[in-house]
């Protein structure tokens, strides 16, 4: 389980990539990853291409991020979901709160 973050060269997209398990063990690291995102970052992307597992605490972390970033960003997108992760997000109705790619 690991988390990495990056800012695009044009400064318009901030990406957080999660590999392995997205669960309670990542709470502090996940919160710290987006804590400095401000008005200069219009789009936040949560890249789940390497995420094998997600639990309810991960869903809570996503909601807290959305609440904390609010109007500081133009949008939050969840990208590259594996089928089982996409199903969890759809059952939880996260497709109504986030753009899911």
N, C-alpha and C. Protein backbone atom coordinates (compact mmCIF):
# COMPACT_ATOMS: atom_id res chain seq x y z
N UNK A 1 0.84 -1.17 0.00
CA UNK A 1 0.00 0.00 0.00
C UNK A 1 0.89 1.23 0.00
N UNK A 2 0.66 2.09 -0.98
CA UNK A 2 1.45 3.31 -1.05
C UNK A 2 0.64 4.43 -1.69
N UNK A 3 1.09 5.63 -1.43
CA UNK A 3 0.43 6.81 -1.96
C UNK A 3 1.50 7.72 -2.54
N UNK A 4 1.24 8.24 -3.73
CA UNK A 4 2.15 9.22 -4.31
C UNK A 4 1.32 10.37 -4.85
N UNK A 5 1.93 11.53 -4.92
CA UNK A 5 1.22 12.70 -5.43
C UNK A 5 2.10 13.43 -6.42
N UNK A 6 1.46 14.12 -7.35
CA UNK A 6 2.22 14.88 -8.35
C UNK A 6 1.36 16.03 -8.88
N UNK A 7 2.04 17.04 -9.34
CA UNK A 7 1.39 18.19 -9.96
C UNK A 7 1.82 18.23 -11.41
N UNK A 8 0.87 18.40 -12.32
CA UNK A 8 1.20 18.43 -13.74
C UNK A 8 2.11 19.62 -14.05
N UNK A 9 2.83 19.53 -15.14
CA UNK A 9 3.80 20.57 -15.50
C UNK A 9 3.14 21.93 -15.70
N UNK A 10 1.87 21.94 -16.13
CA UNK A 10 1.17 23.22 -16.31
C UNK A 10 0.51 23.70 -15.02
N UNK A 11 0.59 22.88 -13.95
CA UNK A 11 0.05 23.26 -12.66
C UNK A 11 -1.46 23.20 -12.56
N UNK A 12 -2.11 22.57 -13.54
CA UNK A 12 -3.57 22.55 -13.57
C UNK A 12 -4.19 21.28 -13.02
N UNK A 13 -3.38 20.23 -12.83
CA UNK A 13 -3.91 18.96 -12.34
C UNK A 13 -3.04 18.42 -11.24
N UNK A 14 -3.65 18.14 -10.09
CA UNK A 14 -2.97 17.54 -8.96
C UNK A 14 -3.46 16.11 -8.86
N UNK A 15 -2.55 15.15 -8.90
CA UNK A 15 -2.91 13.74 -8.91
C UNK A 15 -2.41 13.04 -7.65
N UNK A 16 -3.29 12.27 -7.05
CA UNK A 16 -2.93 11.39 -5.94
C UNK A 16 -3.15 9.97 -6.45
N UNK A 17 -2.09 9.18 -6.45
CA UNK A 17 -2.18 7.80 -6.92
C UNK A 17 -2.04 6.86 -5.74
N UNK A 18 -2.95 5.90 -5.65
CA UNK A 18 -2.96 4.96 -4.54
C UNK A 18 -2.74 3.55 -5.09
N UNK A 19 -1.76 2.87 -4.52
CA UNK A 19 -1.45 1.50 -4.94
C UNK A 19 -1.71 0.55 -3.78
N UNK A 20 -2.26 -0.60 -4.09
CA UNK A 20 -2.53 -1.61 -3.07
C UNK A 20 -3.87 -1.36 -2.39
N UNK A 21 -3.87 -1.31 -1.08
CA UNK A 21 -5.10 -1.14 -0.31
C UNK A 21 -5.33 0.33 0.03
N UNK A 22 -6.55 0.78 -0.23
CA UNK A 22 -6.97 2.13 0.14
C UNK A 22 -7.89 1.94 1.36
N UNK A 23 -7.29 2.04 2.55
CA UNK A 23 -8.05 1.79 3.77
C UNK A 23 -7.59 2.72 4.89
N UNK A 24 -8.02 2.42 6.09
CA UNK A 24 -7.78 3.28 7.25
C UNK A 24 -6.30 3.58 7.48
N UNK A 25 -5.42 2.69 7.07
CA UNK A 25 -3.99 2.89 7.28
C UNK A 25 -3.44 4.10 6.51
N UNK A 26 -4.20 4.60 5.54
CA UNK A 26 -3.75 5.74 4.73
C UNK A 26 -4.36 7.08 5.18
N UNK A 27 -5.12 7.08 6.26
CA UNK A 27 -5.83 8.31 6.66
C UNK A 27 -4.90 9.52 6.74
N UNK A 28 -3.87 9.45 7.56
CA UNK A 28 -2.99 10.60 7.75
C UNK A 28 -2.25 10.97 6.47
N UNK A 29 -1.73 9.97 5.78
CA UNK A 29 -0.97 10.22 4.56
C UNK A 29 -1.85 10.84 3.47
N UNK A 30 -3.09 10.34 3.36
CA UNK A 30 -4.02 10.87 2.36
C UNK A 30 -4.38 12.31 2.67
N UNK A 31 -4.68 12.59 3.93
CA UNK A 31 -5.03 13.96 4.34
C UNK A 31 -3.86 14.91 4.08
N UNK A 32 -2.66 14.47 4.41
CA UNK A 32 -1.47 15.30 4.19
C UNK A 32 -1.23 15.54 2.70
N UNK A 33 -1.58 14.57 1.87
CA UNK A 33 -1.32 14.69 0.43
C UNK A 33 -2.06 15.88 -0.19
N UNK A 34 -3.29 16.12 0.24
CA UNK A 34 -4.06 17.22 -0.37
C UNK A 34 -4.11 18.48 0.49
N UNK A 35 -3.42 18.49 1.62
CA UNK A 35 -3.53 19.62 2.55
C UNK A 35 -3.03 20.94 1.97
N UNK A 36 -2.11 20.91 1.03
CA UNK A 36 -1.57 22.15 0.46
C UNK A 36 -2.19 22.54 -0.88
N UNK A 37 -3.21 21.82 -1.29
CA UNK A 37 -3.86 22.14 -2.57
C UNK A 37 -4.66 23.42 -2.38
N UNK A 38 -4.42 24.37 -3.27
CA UNK A 38 -5.12 25.65 -3.15
C UNK A 38 -5.76 26.08 -4.43
N UNK A 39 -5.97 27.38 -4.56
CA UNK A 39 -6.67 27.94 -5.71
C UNK A 39 -5.93 27.74 -7.02
N UNK A 40 -4.65 27.46 -6.97
CA UNK A 40 -3.89 27.31 -8.21
C UNK A 40 -4.09 25.94 -8.85
N UNK A 41 -4.77 25.03 -8.18
CA UNK A 41 -4.99 23.70 -8.72
C UNK A 41 -6.46 23.50 -9.05
N UNK A 42 -6.83 23.63 -10.31
CA UNK A 42 -8.24 23.55 -10.66
C UNK A 42 -8.82 22.14 -10.65
N UNK A 43 -8.02 21.11 -10.84
CA UNK A 43 -8.55 19.75 -10.95
C UNK A 43 -7.73 18.80 -10.07
N UNK A 44 -8.42 18.01 -9.26
CA UNK A 44 -7.76 16.99 -8.45
C UNK A 44 -8.18 15.63 -9.01
N UNK A 45 -7.20 14.77 -9.24
CA UNK A 45 -7.47 13.43 -9.77
C UNK A 45 -7.00 12.40 -8.75
N UNK A 46 -7.89 11.51 -8.38
CA UNK A 46 -7.53 10.38 -7.52
C UNK A 46 -7.38 9.20 -8.46
N UNK A 47 -6.15 8.77 -8.68
CA UNK A 47 -5.85 7.70 -9.64
C UNK A 47 -5.82 6.36 -8.90
N UNK A 48 -6.79 5.50 -9.23
CA UNK A 48 -6.92 4.22 -8.55
C UNK A 48 -6.51 3.03 -9.43
N UNK A 49 -5.71 3.26 -10.45
CA UNK A 49 -5.33 2.18 -11.37
C UNK A 49 -4.64 1.02 -10.66
N UNK A 50 -3.90 1.29 -9.60
CA UNK A 50 -3.18 0.23 -8.89
C UNK A 50 -3.82 -0.11 -7.54
N UNK A 51 -5.05 0.35 -7.33
CA UNK A 51 -5.76 0.08 -6.08
C UNK A 51 -6.49 -1.25 -6.21
N UNK A 52 -6.16 -2.17 -5.30
CA UNK A 52 -6.75 -3.51 -5.34
C UNK A 52 -7.92 -3.66 -4.38
N UNK A 53 -7.97 -2.80 -3.38
CA UNK A 53 -8.97 -2.94 -2.32
C UNK A 53 -9.33 -1.56 -1.78
N UNK A 54 -10.61 -1.38 -1.49
CA UNK A 54 -11.08 -0.12 -0.91
C UNK A 54 -12.15 -0.45 0.12
N UNK A 55 -12.08 0.17 1.29
CA UNK A 55 -13.10 -0.08 2.30
C UNK A 55 -13.86 1.20 2.61
N UNK A 56 -14.76 1.12 3.59
CA UNK A 56 -15.61 2.27 3.91
C UNK A 56 -14.81 3.46 4.43
N UNK A 57 -13.68 3.22 5.07
CA UNK A 57 -12.88 4.35 5.54
C UNK A 57 -12.31 5.14 4.35
N UNK A 58 -12.01 4.46 3.25
CA UNK A 58 -11.55 5.15 2.04
C UNK A 58 -12.65 6.04 1.49
N UNK A 59 -13.89 5.55 1.52
CA UNK A 59 -15.01 6.37 1.07
C UNK A 59 -15.14 7.62 1.94
N UNK A 60 -14.96 7.44 3.23
CA UNK A 60 -15.00 8.58 4.15
C UNK A 60 -13.89 9.57 3.88
N UNK A 61 -12.70 9.06 3.56
CA UNK A 61 -11.57 9.95 3.25
C UNK A 61 -11.87 10.78 2.01
N UNK A 62 -12.49 10.17 1.01
CA UNK A 62 -12.84 10.90 -0.21
C UNK A 62 -13.85 12.00 0.09
N UNK A 63 -14.84 11.68 0.92
CA UNK A 63 -15.84 12.69 1.29
C UNK A 63 -15.22 13.83 2.09
N UNK A 64 -14.33 13.49 3.02
CA UNK A 64 -13.65 14.54 3.80
C UNK A 64 -12.80 15.42 2.90
N UNK A 65 -12.13 14.83 1.92
CA UNK A 65 -11.33 15.62 0.99
C UNK A 65 -12.23 16.59 0.23
N UNK A 66 -13.35 16.09 -0.24
CA UNK A 66 -14.29 16.94 -0.99
C UNK A 66 -14.77 18.09 -0.11
N UNK A 67 -15.09 17.79 1.14
CA UNK A 67 -15.55 18.81 2.07
C UNK A 67 -14.46 19.85 2.35
N UNK A 68 -13.23 19.39 2.56
CA UNK A 68 -12.13 20.30 2.88
C UNK A 68 -11.69 21.15 1.70
N UNK A 69 -11.68 20.57 0.51
CA UNK A 69 -11.23 21.33 -0.65
C UNK A 69 -12.32 22.25 -1.18
N UNK A 70 -13.56 21.79 -1.08
CA UNK A 70 -14.71 22.61 -1.48
C UNK A 70 -14.49 23.43 -2.73
N UNK A 71 -14.52 24.74 -2.58
CA UNK A 71 -14.41 25.64 -3.72
C UNK A 71 -12.96 25.97 -4.08
N UNK A 72 -11.99 25.37 -3.40
CA UNK A 72 -10.59 25.63 -3.72
C UNK A 72 -10.17 25.02 -5.05
N UNK A 73 -10.93 24.04 -5.50
CA UNK A 73 -10.62 23.36 -6.77
C UNK A 73 -11.85 23.34 -7.66
N UNK A 74 -11.61 23.18 -8.95
CA UNK A 74 -12.75 23.18 -9.88
C UNK A 74 -13.44 21.83 -9.91
N UNK A 75 -12.75 20.78 -9.53
CA UNK A 75 -13.38 19.48 -9.54
C UNK A 75 -12.48 18.40 -8.97
N UNK A 76 -13.11 17.30 -8.61
CA UNK A 76 -12.38 16.13 -8.13
C UNK A 76 -12.85 14.95 -8.97
N UNK A 77 -11.88 14.28 -9.57
CA UNK A 77 -12.19 13.15 -10.45
C UNK A 77 -11.53 11.90 -9.89
N UNK A 78 -12.27 10.80 -9.91
CA UNK A 78 -11.73 9.51 -9.53
C UNK A 78 -11.50 8.76 -10.84
N UNK A 79 -10.24 8.40 -11.10
CA UNK A 79 -9.87 7.87 -12.41
C UNK A 79 -9.29 6.46 -12.33
N UNK A 80 -9.40 5.76 -13.45
CA UNK A 80 -8.75 4.46 -13.68
C UNK A 80 -9.15 3.39 -12.66
N UNK A 81 -10.43 3.31 -12.36
CA UNK A 81 -10.92 2.33 -11.38
C UNK A 81 -10.98 0.94 -11.99
N UNK A 82 -10.55 -0.04 -11.22
CA UNK A 82 -10.76 -1.44 -11.60
C UNK A 82 -12.25 -1.73 -11.42
N UNK A 83 -12.76 -2.76 -12.10
CA UNK A 83 -14.21 -3.04 -12.02
C UNK A 83 -14.76 -3.19 -10.60
N UNK A 84 -14.03 -3.89 -9.72
CA UNK A 84 -14.55 -4.09 -8.37
C UNK A 84 -14.56 -2.78 -7.57
N UNK A 85 -13.61 -1.90 -7.83
CA UNK A 85 -13.58 -0.59 -7.17
C UNK A 85 -14.71 0.29 -7.71
N UNK A 86 -14.90 0.26 -9.02
CA UNK A 86 -15.98 1.04 -9.64
C UNK A 86 -17.34 0.61 -9.06
N UNK A 87 -17.50 -0.69 -8.85
CA UNK A 87 -18.76 -1.20 -8.31
C UNK A 87 -19.00 -0.67 -6.89
N UNK A 88 -17.96 -0.66 -6.07
CA UNK A 88 -18.08 -0.11 -4.70
C UNK A 88 -18.51 1.36 -4.77
N UNK A 89 -17.88 2.12 -5.67
CA UNK A 89 -18.21 3.55 -5.79
C UNK A 89 -19.64 3.75 -6.29
N UNK A 90 -20.09 2.91 -7.21
CA UNK A 90 -21.45 3.05 -7.73
C UNK A 90 -22.49 2.64 -6.69
N UNK A 91 -22.24 1.56 -5.97
CA UNK A 91 -23.17 1.13 -4.92
C UNK A 91 -23.29 2.21 -3.84
N UNK A 92 -22.18 2.88 -3.57
CA UNK A 92 -22.16 3.95 -2.56
C UNK A 92 -22.66 5.27 -3.11
N UNK A 93 -23.04 5.28 -4.38
CA UNK A 93 -23.57 6.46 -5.08
C UNK A 93 -22.56 7.60 -5.19
N UNK A 94 -21.30 7.24 -5.22
CA UNK A 94 -20.25 8.25 -5.37
C UNK A 94 -20.24 8.84 -6.78
N UNK A 95 -20.88 8.16 -7.73
CA UNK A 95 -20.98 8.71 -9.07
C UNK A 95 -21.86 9.96 -9.09
N UNK A 96 -22.62 10.20 -8.02
CA UNK A 96 -23.42 11.42 -7.90
C UNK A 96 -22.61 12.57 -7.29
N UNK A 97 -21.54 12.24 -6.59
CA UNK A 97 -20.73 13.26 -5.91
C UNK A 97 -19.42 13.58 -6.62
N UNK A 98 -18.90 12.61 -7.37
CA UNK A 98 -17.61 12.76 -8.04
C UNK A 98 -17.74 12.38 -9.50
N UNK A 99 -16.85 12.92 -10.31
CA UNK A 99 -16.72 12.45 -11.68
C UNK A 99 -15.88 11.18 -11.61
N UNK A 100 -16.42 10.09 -12.14
CA UNK A 100 -15.69 8.81 -12.11
C UNK A 100 -15.37 8.42 -13.55
N UNK A 101 -14.07 8.25 -13.79
CA UNK A 101 -13.60 7.93 -15.14
C UNK A 101 -13.15 6.48 -15.19
